[in-house]
Amino acid sequence: MCISERLKQILEAKNMTVTEFSNVTGISYRSAMNYLNEGRDPNVDALLKIYKALGISVTWLLTGNGEMFHNI
């Protein structure tokens, strides 16, 4: 499974639209759509935004290993 598929899982788990994801994370809608459609992978800045806004484990997002949500 690739990063775009895991991002789709996040949206489903959080019951979010792409627009809501964009607003909450501060990632532009266009970039979010590129990430979801395998146009490109999130850069470090975007990964940190996803982690901070949604509590998603960066390790899980990149590799699929471990838990989806970061244990705080």
C-alpha atoms as a PDB file:
ATOM      1  CA  MET A   1       0.000   0.000   0.000  1.00  0.00           C
ATOM      2  CA  CYS A   2       1.322   3.455  -0.891  1.00  0.00           C
ATOM      3  CA  ILE A   3       1.148   6.794   0.916  1.00  0.00           C
ATOM      4  CA  SER A   4      -1.862   7.917  -1.113  1.00  0.00           C
ATOM      5  CA  GLU A   5      -3.819   4.855   0.010  1.00  0.00           C
ATOM      6  CA  ARG A   6      -2.899   5.520   3.651  1.00  0.00           C
ATOM      7  CA  LEU A   7      -3.971   9.159   3.261  1.00  0.00           C
ATOM      8  CA  LYS A   8      -7.324   7.918   1.976  1.00  0.00           C
ATOM      9  CA  GLN A   9      -7.566   5.718   5.078  1.00  0.00           C
ATOM     10  CA  ILE A  10      -6.955   8.791   7.243  1.00  0.00           C
ATOM     11  CA  LEU A  11      -9.761  10.705   5.543  1.00  0.00           C
ATOM     12  CA  GLU A  12     -12.080   7.744   6.017  1.00  0.00           C
ATOM     13  CA  ALA A  13     -11.087   7.226   9.671  1.00  0.00           C
ATOM     14  CA  LYS A  14     -11.578  10.925  10.423  1.00  0.00           C
ATOM     15  CA  ASN A  15     -14.704  11.144   8.231  1.00  0.00           C
ATOM     16  CA  MET A  16     -13.164  14.124   6.415  1.00  0.00           C
ATOM     17  CA  THR A  17     -13.445  15.548   2.942  1.00  0.00           C
ATOM     18  CA  VAL A  18     -10.347  16.661   1.058  1.00  0.00           C
ATOM     19  CA  THR A  19     -11.381  20.275   1.697  1.00  0.00           C
ATOM     20  CA  GLU A  20     -11.620  19.641   5.447  1.00  0.00           C
ATOM     21  CA  PHE A  21      -8.263  17.854   5.399  1.00  0.00           C
ATOM     22  CA  SER A  22      -6.754  20.816   3.573  1.00  0.00           C
ATOM     23  CA  ASN A  23      -8.221  23.342   6.013  1.00  0.00           C
ATOM     24  CA  VAL A  24      -7.239  21.427   9.150  1.00  0.00           C
ATOM     25  CA  THR A  25      -3.682  20.666   8.070  1.00  0.00           C
ATOM     26  CA  GLY A  26      -2.937  23.908   6.228  1.00  0.00           C
ATOM     27  CA  ILE A  27      -1.949  21.935   3.124  1.00  0.00           C
ATOM     28  CA  SER A  28      -3.311  23.449  -0.086  1.00  0.00           C
ATOM     29  CA  TYR A  29      -6.238  21.647  -1.683  1.00  0.00           C
ATOM     30  CA  ARG A  30      -4.214  21.136  -4.856  1.00  0.00           C
ATOM     31  CA  SER A  31      -1.317  19.537  -2.959  1.00  0.00           C
ATOM     32  CA  ALA A  32      -3.717  17.340  -0.986  1.00  0.00           C
ATOM     33  CA  MET A  33      -5.285  16.131  -4.223  1.00  0.00           C
ATOM     34  CA  ASN A  34      -1.826  15.408  -5.655  1.00  0.00           C
ATOM     35  CA  TYR A  35      -0.970  13.348  -2.574  1.00  0.00           C
ATOM     36  CA  LEU A  36      -4.258  11.429  -2.783  1.00  0.00           C
ATOM     37  CA  ASN A  37      -3.976  10.781  -6.515  1.00  0.00           C
ATOM     38  CA  GLU A  38      -0.355   9.601  -6.371  1.00  0.00           C
ATOM     39  CA  GLY A  39       0.817  12.710  -8.195  1.00  0.00           C
ATOM     40  CA  ARG A  40       3.481  13.174  -5.563  1.00  0.00           C
ATOM     41  CA  ASP A  41       4.311  12.252  -1.978  1.00  0.00           C
ATOM     42  CA  PRO A  42       4.106  14.745   0.898  1.00  0.00           C
ATOM     43  CA  ASN A  43       7.320  16.591   1.713  1.00  0.00           C
ATOM     44  CA  VAL A  44       8.651  16.879   5.270  1.00  0.00           C
ATOM     45  CA  ASP A  45       6.681  20.076   5.934  1.00  0.00           C
ATOM     46  CA  ALA A  46       3.430  18.405   4.861  1.00  0.00           C
ATOM     47  CA  LEU A  47       4.178  15.299   6.935  1.00  0.00           C
ATOM     48  CA  LEU A  48       4.659  17.477  10.015  1.00  0.00           C
ATOM     49  CA  LYS A  49       1.407  19.319   9.328  1.00  0.00           C
ATOM     50  CA  ILE A  50      -0.485  16.017   9.081  1.00  0.00           C
ATOM     51  CA  TYR A  51       1.158  14.751  12.259  1.00  0.00           C
ATOM     52  CA  LYS A  52       0.421  17.922  14.246  1.00  0.00           C
ATOM     53  CA  ALA A  53      -3.129  18.487  12.987  1.00  0.00           C
ATOM     54  CA  LEU A  54      -4.391  14.908  13.019  1.00  0.00           C
ATOM     55  CA  GLY A  55      -2.070  12.956  15.327  1.00  0.00           C
ATOM     56  CA  ILE A  56      -1.092  10.565  12.547  1.00  0.00           C
ATOM     57  CA  SER A  57       2.100   8.564  12.985  1.00  0.00           C
ATOM     58  CA  VAL A  58       4.611   9.650  10.347  1.00  0.00           C
ATOM     59  CA  THR A  59       6.173   6.175  10.444  1.00  0.00           C
ATOM     60  CA  TRP A  60       2.806   4.596   9.672  1.00  0.00           C
ATOM     61  CA  LEU A  61       2.098   7.095   6.901  1.00  0.00           C
ATOM     62  CA  LEU A  62       5.447   6.476   5.218  1.00  0.00           C
ATOM     63  CA  THR A  63       5.792   2.723   5.750  1.00  0.00           C
ATOM     64  CA  GLY A  64       2.469   1.295   6.888  1.00  0.00           C
ATOM     65  CA  ASN A  65       4.194  -0.098   9.991  1.00  0.00           C
ATOM     66  CA  GLY A  66       2.832   0.475  13.477  1.00  0.00           C
ATOM     67  CA  GLU A  67      -0.337   2.254  14.496  1.00  0.00           C
ATOM     68  CA  MET A  68      -2.111   4.898  12.405  1.00  0.00           C
ATOM     69  CA  PHE A  69      -2.412   7.321  15.286  1.00  0.00           C
ATOM     70  CA  HIS A  70       0.603   8.595  17.191  1.00  0.00           C
ATOM     71  CA  ASN A  71       0.564   7.502  20.815  1.00  0.00           C
ATOM     72  CA  ILE A  72       0.933  10.647  22.887  1.00  0.00           C
END
